[in-house]
């Protein structure tokens, strides 16, 4: 069963957070003030088209508009649920952050064996960002032709709309984290 009361709370909260009146939101999303008012009072179940217009007017995805507030405000990802993979050369990757629909953020922990080059990664869309912090070992970070060596405790930031690569030229394993804010899929 669709939760009209939950939808009403989310629409009202989002409109309030943006400082919009019913009339201002109605102008933004081409939905009548009376329909918006009825939705916020949980008196009418809007069609998918109307929901999509309201989401656009509020600047959120349709999924975000429909998700339960409690499930969206706290998302837990247990270690056993984390996506883990092993790649050529023996390097390991674990996506440790929860996956939230409509949020382009990812926290990844990578372990590169001694002498391992993870290779080059293509650029993401403009407006994407990556932060890197080295936990153990030495990481060679290459971004658009620039190369820098990072040691345990060092961190770096780069705009992720550039080709980039990670390598461990040292004699010990290298563990590091990448926090990525991705605007759209890789180009």
C-alpha atoms as a PDB file:
ATOM      1  CA  UNK A   1       0.000   0.000   0.000  1.00  0.00           C
ATOM      2  CA  UNK A   2       1.277   3.458  -0.928  1.00  0.00           C
ATOM      3  CA  UNK A   3       2.000   5.690   2.086  1.00  0.00           C
ATOM      4  CA  UNK A   4       0.156   8.954   1.304  1.00  0.00           C
ATOM      5  CA  UNK A   5       0.927  10.416   4.731  1.00  0.00           C
ATOM      6  CA  UNK A   6       4.665   9.785   4.267  1.00  0.00           C
ATOM      7  CA  UNK A   7       4.590  11.372   0.811  1.00  0.00           C
ATOM      8  CA  UNK A   8       2.689  14.359   2.232  1.00  0.00           C
ATOM      9  CA  UNK A   9       5.357  14.858   4.934  1.00  0.00           C
ATOM     10  CA  UNK A  10       8.220  14.596   2.424  1.00  0.00           C
ATOM     11  CA  UNK A  11       6.691  17.045  -0.061  1.00  0.00           C
ATOM     12  CA  UNK A  12       5.919  19.543   2.695  1.00  0.00           C
ATOM     13  CA  UNK A  13       9.379  19.162   4.289  1.00  0.00           C
ATOM     14  CA  UNK A  14      11.203  19.551   0.967  1.00  0.00           C
ATOM     15  CA  UNK A  15       9.099  22.561  -0.027  1.00  0.00           C
ATOM     16  CA  UNK A  16       9.688  24.124   3.393  1.00  0.00           C
ATOM     17  CA  UNK A  17      13.461  23.464   3.231  1.00  0.00           C
ATOM     18  CA  UNK A  18      13.570  25.332  -0.088  1.00  0.00           C
ATOM     19  CA  UNK A  19      11.538  28.250   1.225  1.00  0.00           C
ATOM     20  CA  UNK A  20       8.844  27.766  -1.417  1.00  0.00           C
ATOM     21  CA  UNK A  21       5.198  28.666  -1.107  1.00  0.00           C
ATOM     22  CA  UNK A  22       2.606  26.345  -2.632  1.00  0.00           C
ATOM     23  CA  UNK A  23       2.181  28.858  -5.460  1.00  0.00           C
ATOM     24  CA  UNK A  24       5.941  29.033  -6.122  1.00  0.00           C
ATOM     25  CA  UNK A  25       6.226  25.245  -6.251  1.00  0.00           C
ATOM     26  CA  UNK A  26       3.136  25.065  -8.481  1.00  0.00           C
ATOM     27  CA  UNK A  27       4.848  27.442 -10.942  1.00  0.00           C
ATOM     28  CA  UNK A  28       8.056  25.410 -10.882  1.00  0.00           C
ATOM     29  CA  UNK A  29       6.418  22.058 -11.550  1.00  0.00           C
ATOM     30  CA  UNK A  30       3.271  22.912 -13.578  1.00  0.00           C
ATOM     31  CA  UNK A  31       0.966  21.320 -11.000  1.00  0.00           C
ATOM     32  CA  UNK A  32      -2.009  23.236  -9.630  1.00  0.00           C
ATOM     33  CA  UNK A  33      -1.876  24.744  -6.157  1.00  0.00           C
ATOM     34  CA  UNK A  34      -5.007  22.796  -5.224  1.00  0.00           C
ATOM     35  CA  UNK A  35      -3.385  19.473  -6.240  1.00  0.00           C
ATOM     36  CA  UNK A  36      -0.182  20.292  -4.314  1.00  0.00           C
ATOM     37  CA  UNK A  37      -2.217  21.266  -1.278  1.00  0.00           C
ATOM     38  CA  UNK A  38      -4.198  18.025  -1.483  1.00  0.00           C
ATOM     39  CA  UNK A  39      -0.980  15.998  -1.785  1.00  0.00           C
ATOM     40  CA  UNK A  40       0.516  17.758   1.262  1.00  0.00           C
ATOM     41  CA  UNK A  41      -2.656  16.990   3.238  1.00  0.00           C
ATOM     42  CA  UNK A  42      -2.580  13.330   2.077  1.00  0.00           C
ATOM     43  CA  UNK A  43      -6.013  13.771   0.516  1.00  0.00           C
ATOM     44  CA  UNK A  44      -5.112  12.768  -3.054  1.00  0.00           C
ATOM     45  CA  UNK A  45      -2.857  10.136  -4.559  1.00  0.00           C
ATOM     46  CA  UNK A  46      -1.049  11.851  -7.436  1.00  0.00           C
ATOM     47  CA  UNK A  47      -0.325  10.093 -10.709  1.00  0.00           C
ATOM     48  CA  UNK A  48       3.253   9.160 -11.615  1.00  0.00           C
ATOM     49  CA  UNK A  49       3.357  12.102 -14.027  1.00  0.00           C
ATOM     50  CA  UNK A  50       2.321  14.534 -11.276  1.00  0.00           C
ATOM     51  CA  UNK A  51       4.829  12.953  -8.851  1.00  0.00           C
ATOM     52  CA  UNK A  52       7.614  13.353 -11.420  1.00  0.00           C
ATOM     53  CA  UNK A  53       6.690  17.023 -11.927  1.00  0.00           C
ATOM     54  CA  UNK A  54       6.678  17.647  -8.169  1.00  0.00           C
ATOM     55  CA  UNK A  55      10.066  15.930  -7.814  1.00  0.00           C
ATOM     56  CA  UNK A  56      11.490  18.082 -10.643  1.00  0.00           C
ATOM     57  CA  UNK A  57      10.067  21.220  -9.045  1.00  0.00           C
ATOM     58  CA  UNK A  58      11.707  20.321  -5.744  1.00  0.00           C
ATOM     59  CA  UNK A  59      15.002  19.388  -7.423  1.00  0.00           C
ATOM     60  CA  UNK A  60      15.019  15.767  -6.244  1.00  0.00           C
ATOM     61  CA  UNK A  61      14.725  12.430  -7.985  1.00  0.00           C
ATOM     62  CA  UNK A  62      11.396  10.655  -8.108  1.00  0.00           C
ATOM     63  CA  UNK A  63      12.944   7.835  -6.057  1.00  0.00           C
ATOM     64  CA  UNK A  64      14.013  10.296  -3.343  1.00  0.00           C
ATOM     65  CA  UNK A  65      10.500  11.711  -3.228  1.00  0.00           C
ATOM     66  CA  UNK A  66       8.980   8.256  -2.784  1.00  0.00           C
ATOM     67  CA  UNK A  67      11.499   6.786  -0.310  1.00  0.00           C
ATOM     68  CA  UNK A  68      10.574   6.444   3.330  1.00  0.00           C
ATOM     69  CA  UNK A  69      12.271   9.216   5.318  1.00  0.00           C
ATOM     70  CA  UNK A  70      13.473   6.826   8.028  1.00  0.00           C
ATOM     71  CA  UNK A  71      15.100   4.469   5.507  1.00  0.00           C
ATOM     72  CA  UNK A  72      16.791   7.373   3.716  1.00  0.00           C
ATOM     73  CA  UNK A  73      18.063   9.241   6.777  1.00  0.00           C
ATOM     74  CA  UNK A  74      20.023   6.298   8.184  1.00  0.00           C
ATOM     75  CA  UNK A  75      21.397   3.607   5.896  1.00  0.00           C
ATOM     76  CA  UNK A  76      23.632   0.897   7.347  1.00  0.00           C
ATOM     77  CA  UNK A  77      25.809  -1.386   5.238  1.00  0.00           C
ATOM     78  CA  UNK A  78      27.297  -4.279   7.154  1.00  0.00           C
ATOM     79  CA  UNK A  79      30.726  -5.630   6.212  1.00  0.00           C
ATOM     80  CA  UNK A  80      29.143  -8.824   4.855  1.00  0.00           C
ATOM     81  CA  UNK A  81      26.998  -6.720   2.472  1.00  0.00           C
ATOM     82  CA  UNK A  82      29.883  -4.688   1.023  1.00  0.00           C
ATOM     83  CA  UNK A  83      30.736  -5.223  -2.632  1.00  0.00           C
ATOM     84  CA  UNK A  84      34.202  -6.794  -2.737  1.00  0.00           C
ATOM     85  CA  UNK A  85      36.228  -7.745  -5.793  1.00  0.00           C
ATOM     86  CA  UNK A  86      39.693  -8.958  -6.717  1.00  0.00           C
ATOM     87  CA  UNK A  87      41.298  -7.673  -9.918  1.00  0.00           C
ATOM     88  CA  UNK A  88      44.212  -8.661 -12.193  1.00  0.00           C
ATOM     89  CA  UNK A  89      47.487  -8.161 -10.374  1.00  0.00           C
ATOM     90  CA  UNK A  90      45.867  -9.194  -7.091  1.00  0.00           C
ATOM     91  CA  UNK A  91      44.513  -5.836  -5.996  1.00  0.00           C
ATOM     92  CA  UNK A  92      41.336  -5.812  -3.941  1.00  0.00           C
ATOM     93  CA  UNK A  93      38.502  -3.322  -3.849  1.00  0.00           C
ATOM     94  CA  UNK A  94      35.655  -2.993  -1.321  1.00  0.00           C
ATOM     95  CA  UNK A  95      32.838  -0.469  -1.653  1.00  0.00           C
ATOM     96  CA  UNK A  96      32.384   0.226   2.050  1.00  0.00           C
ATOM     97  CA  UNK A  97      29.768   2.992   1.863  1.00  0.00           C
ATOM     98  CA  UNK A  98      26.038   2.350   1.714  1.00  0.00           C
ATOM     99  CA  UNK A  99      24.464   2.740  -1.714  1.00  0.00           C
ATOM    100  CA  UNK A 100      21.710   5.370  -1.689  1.00  0.00           C
ATOM    101  CA  UNK A 101      19.531   5.968  -4.749  1.00  0.00           C
ATOM    102  CA  UNK A 102      20.098   9.380  -6.281  1.00  0.00           C
ATOM    103  CA  UNK A 103      23.305  10.019  -4.304  1.00  0.00           C
ATOM    104  CA  UNK A 104      26.484   9.818  -6.365  1.00  0.00           C
ATOM    105  CA  UNK A 105      28.847   9.214  -3.434  1.00  0.00           C
ATOM    106  CA  UNK A 106      31.040   6.172  -2.932  1.00  0.00           C
ATOM    107  CA  UNK A 107      33.661   5.303  -0.308  1.00  0.00           C
ATOM    108  CA  UNK A 108      36.035   2.585  -1.466  1.00  0.00           C
ATOM    109  CA  UNK A 109      38.918   0.822   0.295  1.00  0.00           C
ATOM    110  CA  UNK A 110      41.613  -0.573  -1.983  1.00  0.00           C
ATOM    111  CA  UNK A 111      44.606  -2.774  -1.195  1.00  0.00           C
ATOM    112  CA  UNK A 112      47.397  -2.966  -3.791  1.00  0.00           C
ATOM    113  CA  UNK A 113      50.058  -5.672  -3.343  1.00  0.00           C
ATOM    114  CA  UNK A 114      53.710  -4.632  -3.586  1.00  0.00           C
ATOM    115  CA  UNK A 115      54.604  -3.598  -7.134  1.00  0.00           C
ATOM    116  CA  UNK A 116      50.968  -3.635  -8.327  1.00  0.00           C
ATOM    117  CA  UNK A 117      49.621  -1.118 -10.828  1.00  0.00           C
ATOM    118  CA  UNK A 118      45.805  -0.916 -10.787  1.00  0.00           C
ATOM    119  CA  UNK A 119      45.918   0.847 -14.131  1.00  0.00           C
ATOM    120  CA  UNK A 120      44.212   3.910 -15.548  1.00  0.00           C
ATOM    121  CA  UNK A 121      40.620   4.856 -14.883  1.00  0.00           C
ATOM    122  CA  UNK A 122      38.602   6.923 -17.337  1.00  0.00           C
ATOM    123  CA  UNK A 123      37.292  10.326 -16.381  1.00  0.00           C
ATOM    124  CA  UNK A 124      33.894  10.915 -14.811  1.00  0.00           C
ATOM    125  CA  UNK A 125      31.598  13.738 -15.890  1.00  0.00           C
ATOM    126  CA  UNK A 126      32.563  17.341 -15.142  1.00  0.00           C
ATOM    127  CA  UNK A 127      31.756  18.272 -11.551  1.00  0.00           C
ATOM    128  CA  UNK A 128      32.879  14.904 -10.148  1.00  0.00           C
ATOM    129  CA  UNK A 129      35.465  14.800  -7.338  1.00  0.00           C
ATOM    130  CA  UNK A 130      37.716  12.219  -5.688  1.00  0.00           C
ATOM    131  CA  UNK A 131      39.503  12.360  -2.361  1.00  0.00           C
ATOM    132  CA  UNK A 132      42.244   9.835  -1.578  1.00  0.00           C
ATOM    133  CA  UNK A 133      43.824   9.013   1.781  1.00  0.00           C
ATOM    134  CA  UNK A 134      46.591   6.455   2.264  1.00  0.00           C
ATOM    135  CA  UNK A 135      46.206   4.140   5.249  1.00  0.00           C
ATOM    136  CA  UNK A 136      49.402   2.051   4.827  1.00  0.00           C
ATOM    137  CA  UNK A 137      52.268   1.909   2.354  1.00  0.00           C
ATOM    138  CA  UNK A 138      53.080   4.220  -0.534  1.00  0.00           C
ATOM    139  CA  UNK A 139      50.622   5.085  -3.302  1.00  0.00           C
ATOM    140  CA  UNK A 140      51.600   6.537  -6.659  1.00  0.00           C
ATOM    141  CA  UNK A 141      48.688   8.688  -7.863  1.00  0.00           C
ATOM    142  CA  UNK A 142      48.637   9.809 -11.483  1.00  0.00           C
ATOM    143  CA  UNK A 143      46.118  12.457 -12.575  1.00  0.00           C
ATOM    144  CA  UNK A 144      46.089  13.662 -16.170  1.00  0.00           C
ATOM    145  CA  UNK A 145      49.830  13.107 -16.550  1.00  0.00           C
ATOM    146  CA  UNK A 146      50.838  14.494 -13.129  1.00  0.00           C
ATOM    147  CA  UNK A 147      52.317  11.941 -10.723  1.00  0.00           C
ATOM    148  CA  UNK A 148      52.624  12.220  -6.954  1.00  0.00           C
ATOM    149  CA  UNK A 149      53.690   9.693  -4.302  1.00  0.00           C
ATOM    150  CA  UNK A 150      51.560   9.613  -1.157  1.00  0.00           C
ATOM    151  CA  UNK A 151      52.627   7.949   2.101  1.00  0.00           C
ATOM    152  CA  UNK A 152      50.589   6.672   5.054  1.00  0.00           C
ATOM    153  CA  UNK A 153      48.485   9.532   6.404  1.00  0.00           C
ATOM    154  CA  UNK A 154      48.799  11.648   3.246  1.00  0.00           C
ATOM    155  CA  UNK A 155      45.713  12.666   1.312  1.00  0.00           C
ATOM    156  CA  UNK A 156      44.926  14.222  -2.045  1.00  0.00           C
ATOM    157  CA  UNK A 157      41.993  15.680  -3.946  1.00  0.00           C
ATOM    158  CA  UNK A 158      41.412  15.873  -7.677  1.00  0.00           C
ATOM    159  CA  UNK A 159      38.646  16.748 -10.078  1.00  0.00           C
ATOM    160  CA  UNK A 160      37.598  13.347 -11.386  1.00  0.00           C
ATOM    161  CA  UNK A 161      36.820  14.517 -14.911  1.00  0.00           C
ATOM    162  CA  UNK A 162      40.424  13.569 -15.734  1.00  0.00           C
ATOM    163  CA  UNK A 163      42.029  10.217 -16.485  1.00  0.00           C
ATOM    164  CA  UNK A 164      43.630   8.935 -13.288  1.00  0.00           C
ATOM    165  CA  UNK A 165      45.532   5.901 -12.017  1.00  0.00           C
ATOM    166  CA  UNK A 166      46.786   4.231  -8.862  1.00  0.00           C
ATOM    167  CA  UNK A 167      49.946   2.136  -8.375  1.00  0.00           C
ATOM    168  CA  UNK A 168      52.101   0.733  -5.594  1.00  0.00           C
ATOM    169  CA  UNK A 169      55.780   0.892  -6.484  1.00  0.00           C
ATOM    170  CA  UNK A 170      56.827  -0.068  -2.953  1.00  0.00           C
ATOM    171  CA  UNK A 171      57.868  -3.343  -1.331  1.00  0.00           C
ATOM    172  CA  UNK A 172      54.859  -3.521   1.037  1.00  0.00           C
ATOM    173  CA  UNK A 173      51.117  -3.637   0.386  1.00  0.00           C
ATOM    174  CA  UNK A 174      49.408  -0.263   0.088  1.00  0.00           C
ATOM    175  CA  UNK A 175      45.931   0.321   1.547  1.00  0.00           C
ATOM    176  CA  UNK A 176      44.044   3.490   0.707  1.00  0.00           C
ATOM    177  CA  UNK A 177      40.542   4.955   0.617  1.00  0.00           C
ATOM    178  CA  UNK A 178      38.851   6.827  -2.202  1.00  0.00           C
ATOM    179  CA  UNK A 179      35.840   9.030  -1.454  1.00  0.00           C
ATOM    180  CA  UNK A 180      34.185   9.812  -4.776  1.00  0.00           C
ATOM    181  CA  UNK A 181      31.396  12.285  -5.481  1.00  0.00           C
ATOM    182  CA  UNK A 182      30.199  11.340  -8.943  1.00  0.00           C
ATOM    183  CA  UNK A 183      27.886  13.592 -10.916  1.00  0.00           C
ATOM    184  CA  UNK A 184      27.099  11.079 -13.681  1.00  0.00           C
ATOM    185  CA  UNK A 185      28.496   7.798 -15.022  1.00  0.00           C
ATOM    186  CA  UNK A 186      31.981   7.711 -16.509  1.00  0.00           C
ATOM    187  CA  UNK A 187      32.361   9.322 -19.918  1.00  0.00           C
END
